[in-house]
Each structure stands twice: as structure tokens, then as C-alpha cells.
Amino acid sequence: MTTFTTTEAALTRDEMAQLVAADIPAGAFVNLGIGQPTNVSNFLTDEQGVTLHTENGMLGMGPVAAEGEVDGDLINAGKIPVTELAGASYFHHADSFAMMRGGHLDVCVLGAFQVSAGGDLANWHTGAEGAIPAVGGAMDLAIGAKSTWVMMSLFTKADDSKLVEALTYPVTGLGCVSRIYTEQAVFLIDGDGVRVRSSHGTTFEELAARVPIELKRA
């Protein structure tokens, strides 16, 4: 049973990553997308026994490399220097995508430009003229993982909600997102619609007034 909670301050990016890390089930195989999700690796504990997969061909990725730990040949899909854990393995890009497409990942955590009330995801292109599309493995991850979670800021620089009734950007995956972590709230998407699990630096009523979809308390 999920209970709605609230805090006085909005979450920092580290706090968001820490919250995501704490929610990942013990023993899960997980892919962390480019951008904000990469930071989640820094907050996973040894006790969780989580195995991180990166689509450029590695199982057993560790935290982001600190100064003095950087190996130029050891990077994640976003070209961020990372570390390896004991037992890490490396493989061909095609084998990595077979893992993604074959349903072998328990959770993927992705960034997003938009998520719809039905769990549709847009995260590879805004459609803007001159913008560089960057689909990478996002479509494979969004549909192939058993659970797809999103980490993103809730509003754009123009103060538009990224949680929308229907996508206006090119689609990455349909009906795939089940959870959204933002600095102002955590949302759950399921057969009951969009539920707010927690709010941060705002109230449920303020969220309901700014986000253009029906929201329910978890």
C-alpha cells in the first residue's frame, strides 16, 4: 500500500538519484540511461546486489569514476568514465542489444522530454528544426525492460509541464513508463491513472493546478 508523502524542499539531482536507487529491487539487472539516470549508480549499495548493464557492452558497471579512477577505455553509453565491479564482463554491442530486447533487464531508468498520462515516452527528439536526434538504444530499453522508469525535471524552461495528456514530440515507446521521478514529485502510472506518490517543495493542489492531466494521491 503506497502512502502519499511530502517534503518542504524540492529534491536535488543527488536526492532524486538516491530515491531511485533505494527503489530498485535487490538483485535486479538495471540499465541507467544517459543524463540524470547515470547518477543513480553512485547510490546503489553492495547489499542490494544490483547489476548494472550499459548498452555499449558491459555488465557489472560501478559508480561514475572519480578523479584518479578514470580509465579512458571504460565508459558508459553516454561516454561518461565509469568504474567496474568485481566480476564485470564485456561483450559485443549486438549481444548487449539482445539482452535489452529479450526482456532480460528488470528496470531501465531513462531521461525524457515528455511522458503522457498513459505512460507513452518521448526522449529522443523534440522535433525542432536543426535539433540532433539521439535515439541510441532508448526504444529497445523502453519496450524491452520489465519496468521503465523516468528521471526528468517536471517543467521546461518555459514552465510547460513535461507530464502531458498526449505526446507532442516523436514517440520512443507506447505505454511503457510506470514511474516518473522529478524534483517536485514522484508519479506512478498504472491502470488507475497517474498517482502522486510524493511531493517535494510543492503541494498536491499546486501540482494539480500546473500539470495538465488528472492526478490522484497514491
Protein backbone atom coordinates (compact mmCIF):
# COMPACT_ATOMS: atom_id res chain seq x y z
CA MET A 1 0.00 0.00 0.00
CA THR A 2 1.56 3.29 -1.09
CA THR A 3 1.02 6.35 1.09
CA PHE A 4 1.31 9.93 -0.15
CA THR A 5 4.20 11.82 1.46
CA THR A 6 5.56 15.33 1.13
CA THR A 7 8.72 17.33 1.94
CA GLU A 8 9.25 21.06 2.25
CA ALA A 9 12.05 21.37 -0.31
CA ALA A 10 12.35 20.26 -3.92
CA LEU A 11 14.74 17.38 -4.49
CA THR A 12 18.27 17.95 -5.70
CA ARG A 13 19.55 15.73 -8.52
CA ASP A 14 21.52 13.70 -6.00
CA GLU A 15 18.42 13.25 -3.85
CA MET A 16 16.42 12.14 -6.89
CA ALA A 17 19.13 9.61 -7.77
CA GLN A 18 19.24 8.37 -4.19
CA LEU A 19 15.46 7.88 -4.20
CA VAL A 20 15.59 5.90 -7.45
CA ALA A 21 18.47 3.77 -6.17
CA ALA A 22 16.57 2.92 -2.99
CA ASP A 23 13.53 1.79 -5.04
CA ILE A 24 15.47 -0.65 -7.24
CA PRO A 25 14.75 -4.22 -6.14
CA ALA A 26 17.58 -6.29 -4.68
CA GLY A 27 19.32 -8.46 -7.24
CA ALA A 28 17.89 -6.56 -10.22
CA PHE A 29 19.58 -6.18 -13.60
CA VAL A 30 19.33 -2.49 -14.48
CA ASN A 31 20.21 -0.10 -17.31
CA LEU A 32 20.74 3.59 -16.49
CA GLY A 33 20.15 5.98 -19.38
CA ILE A 34 22.22 8.96 -20.44
CA GLY A 35 21.96 12.14 -18.35
CA GLN A 36 20.39 12.25 -14.90
CA PRO A 37 19.94 8.47 -14.56
CA THR A 38 23.71 7.88 -14.68
CA ASN A 39 23.96 9.38 -11.18
CA VAL A 40 21.88 6.54 -9.72
CA SER A 41 24.95 4.27 -9.86
CA ASN A 42 26.58 6.37 -7.12
CA PHE A 43 23.86 5.49 -4.60
CA LEU A 44 23.43 1.75 -5.03
CA THR A 45 24.66 -0.30 -2.08
CA ASP A 46 26.59 -3.56 -2.08
CA GLU A 47 23.78 -5.13 -0.08
CA GLN A 48 21.30 -4.53 -2.92
CA GLY A 49 23.29 -6.74 -5.26
CA VAL A 50 22.14 -4.77 -8.31
CA THR A 51 23.95 -5.49 -11.60
CA LEU A 52 24.24 -2.52 -13.96
CA HIS A 53 24.15 -3.02 -17.72
CA THR A 54 25.35 -0.46 -20.23
CA GLU A 55 24.29 -0.79 -23.85
CA ASN A 56 27.81 -0.35 -25.23
CA GLY A 57 28.60 -3.81 -23.87
CA MET A 58 29.18 -4.21 -20.14
CA LEU A 59 27.63 -5.96 -17.15
CA GLY A 60 28.83 -5.06 -13.67
CA MET A 61 29.30 -1.32 -14.10
CA GLY A 62 30.15 0.53 -10.90
CA PRO A 63 29.79 4.19 -9.86
CA VAL A 64 30.94 7.10 -12.02
CA ALA A 65 34.74 7.29 -11.96
CA ALA A 66 36.18 9.81 -9.51
CA GLU A 67 39.38 11.77 -10.15
CA GLY A 68 42.25 9.32 -10.26
CA GLU A 69 39.99 6.40 -11.25
CA VAL A 70 39.41 7.36 -14.88
CA ASP A 71 40.22 4.72 -17.48
CA GLY A 72 39.86 6.14 -20.99
CA ASP A 73 38.65 2.77 -22.28
CA LEU A 74 35.98 2.33 -19.59
CA ILE A 75 32.92 4.45 -20.34
CA ASN A 76 29.16 4.05 -20.33
CA ALA A 77 26.83 4.67 -23.28
CA GLY A 78 26.90 8.41 -22.55
CA LYS A 79 30.72 8.45 -22.78
CA ILE A 80 30.96 9.11 -19.01
CA PRO A 81 34.01 7.45 -17.37
CA VAL A 82 32.79 4.71 -15.02
CA THR A 83 34.23 2.00 -12.81
CA GLU A 84 33.87 -1.75 -12.92
CA LEU A 85 32.87 -4.07 -10.10
CA ALA A 86 34.34 -7.49 -9.34
CA GLY A 87 33.04 -9.99 -11.89
CA ALA A 88 32.30 -7.39 -14.57
CA SER A 89 32.05 -8.74 -18.12
CA TYR A 90 32.26 -7.24 -21.61
CA PHE A 91 30.58 -8.30 -24.84
CA HIS A 92 29.67 -7.29 -28.38
CA HIS A 93 27.22 -4.44 -28.93
CA ALA A 94 24.83 -6.85 -30.66
CA ASP A 95 24.80 -9.13 -27.60
CA SER A 96 24.06 -6.11 -25.42
CA PHE A 97 21.04 -5.20 -27.53
CA ALA A 98 19.88 -8.82 -27.47
CA MET A 99 19.79 -8.56 -23.67
CA MET A 100 17.77 -5.35 -23.92
CA ARG A 101 15.31 -6.65 -26.49
CA GLY A 102 14.99 -10.10 -24.92
CA GLY A 103 13.39 -8.96 -21.68
CA HIS A 104 16.45 -9.69 -19.55
CA LEU A 105 16.57 -6.29 -17.81
CA ASP A 106 14.39 -5.81 -14.74
CA VAL A 107 14.48 -1.99 -14.76
CA CYS A 108 15.67 0.76 -17.07
CA VAL A 109 15.83 4.37 -15.92
CA LEU A 110 15.64 6.92 -18.74
CA GLY A 111 15.53 10.67 -19.19
CA ALA A 112 12.60 12.20 -21.07
CA PHE A 113 11.34 15.23 -22.93
CA GLN A 114 7.72 14.19 -22.30
CA VAL A 115 5.70 11.41 -20.70
CA SER A 116 1.98 11.05 -21.34
CA ALA A 117 -0.76 10.17 -18.87
CA GLY A 118 -0.87 6.73 -20.49
CA GLY A 119 2.84 6.08 -19.97
CA ASP A 120 3.95 6.94 -23.52
CA LEU A 121 7.56 8.13 -23.70
CA ALA A 122 9.30 10.76 -25.84
CA ASN A 123 13.01 11.11 -25.18
CA TRP A 124 15.00 11.01 -28.43
CA HIS A 125 13.95 14.10 -30.40
CA THR A 126 11.97 17.29 -29.80
CA GLY A 127 11.09 17.61 -33.47
CA ALA A 128 12.66 21.06 -33.51
CA GLU A 129 14.29 22.08 -36.78
CA GLY A 130 18.04 21.63 -36.54
CA ALA A 131 17.87 19.51 -33.39
CA ILE A 132 20.10 16.44 -33.43
CA PRO A 133 18.11 13.23 -32.84
CA ALA A 134 19.68 10.81 -30.37
CA VAL A 135 17.63 7.64 -30.20
CA GLY A 136 20.50 5.30 -29.28
CA GLY A 137 19.03 2.25 -27.56
CA ALA A 138 16.14 4.10 -25.93
CA MET A 139 13.40 2.35 -27.93
CA ASP A 140 14.89 -1.08 -27.20
CA LEU A 141 15.21 -0.29 -23.50
CA ALA A 142 11.80 1.31 -23.09
CA ILE A 143 9.99 -1.69 -24.55
CA GLY A 144 12.40 -4.48 -23.61
CA ALA A 145 12.84 -3.81 -19.88
CA LYS A 146 10.31 -5.28 -17.46
CA SER A 147 9.87 -1.86 -15.83
CA THR A 148 10.65 1.54 -17.37
CA TRP A 149 11.19 4.47 -15.02
CA VAL A 150 11.88 8.09 -15.96
CA MET A 151 14.03 10.75 -14.27
CA MET A 152 13.41 14.29 -15.51
CA SER A 153 12.68 17.84 -14.45
CA LEU A 154 8.91 18.29 -14.23
CA PHE A 155 8.77 21.57 -16.16
CA THR A 156 10.60 23.02 -19.16
CA LYS A 157 12.46 26.32 -19.09
CA ALA A 158 9.26 27.84 -20.48
CA ASP A 159 7.40 26.41 -17.45
CA ASP A 160 5.47 23.86 -19.51
CA SER A 161 4.75 20.51 -17.91
CA LYS A 162 6.66 17.53 -19.32
CA LEU A 163 3.92 15.27 -17.98
CA VAL A 164 1.18 15.70 -20.57
CA GLU A 165 -2.14 14.24 -21.69
CA ALA A 166 -0.70 13.20 -25.08
CA LEU A 167 2.80 13.41 -26.55
CA THR A 168 3.61 16.24 -28.95
CA TYR A 169 7.18 15.02 -29.55
CA PRO A 170 8.23 11.95 -31.60
CA VAL A 171 7.43 8.72 -29.75
CA THR A 172 10.06 6.46 -28.18
CA GLY A 173 7.69 3.86 -26.73
CA LEU A 174 3.96 3.48 -26.07
CA GLY A 175 2.51 2.63 -22.66
CA CYS A 176 5.90 1.71 -21.26
CA VAL A 177 6.54 4.14 -18.36
CA SER A 178 5.31 3.09 -14.93
CA ARG A 179 7.11 5.57 -12.70
CA ILE A 180 8.42 9.15 -13.01
CA TYR A 181 10.90 10.80 -10.64
CA THR A 182 11.10 14.60 -10.73
CA GLU A 183 12.45 17.27 -8.40
CA GLN A 184 8.89 18.20 -7.38
CA ALA A 185 7.08 14.87 -7.26
CA VAL A 186 7.20 11.14 -7.85
CA PHE A 187 4.41 9.82 -10.08
CA LEU A 188 3.10 6.27 -10.55
CA ILE A 189 1.33 5.32 -13.79
CA ASP A 190 -0.90 2.25 -13.87
CA GLY A 191 -4.48 1.16 -14.56
CA ASP A 192 -5.69 3.70 -12.02
CA GLY A 193 -4.22 6.61 -13.98
CA VAL A 194 -1.47 8.92 -12.69
CA ARG A 195 -0.96 8.88 -8.94
CA VAL A 196 1.33 11.19 -6.95
CA ARG A 197 3.41 9.13 -4.54
CA SER A 198 5.19 12.11 -3.02
CA SER A 199 5.57 15.85 -3.49
CA HIS A 200 8.67 17.95 -2.81
CA GLY A 201 8.67 21.70 -2.31
CA THR A 202 5.08 21.89 -3.52
CA THR A 203 1.63 20.65 -2.54
CA PHE A 204 -0.64 18.19 -4.28
CA GLU A 205 -3.04 21.04 -5.07
CA GLU A 206 -0.27 23.13 -6.66
CA LEU A 207 0.81 20.16 -8.77
CA ALA A 208 -2.76 19.52 -9.88
CA ALA A 209 -3.06 23.16 -10.97
CA ARG A 210 0.16 23.12 -13.04
CA VAL A 211 0.14 19.63 -14.58
CA PRO A 212 -2.48 19.37 -17.36
CA ILE A 213 -3.78 15.89 -16.51
CA GLU A 214 -5.92 14.36 -13.79
CA LEU A 215 -3.79 13.48 -10.77
CA LYS A 216 -4.64 11.28 -7.81
CA ARG A 217 -2.93 10.84 -4.46
CA ALA A 218 -1.24 7.48 -4.07
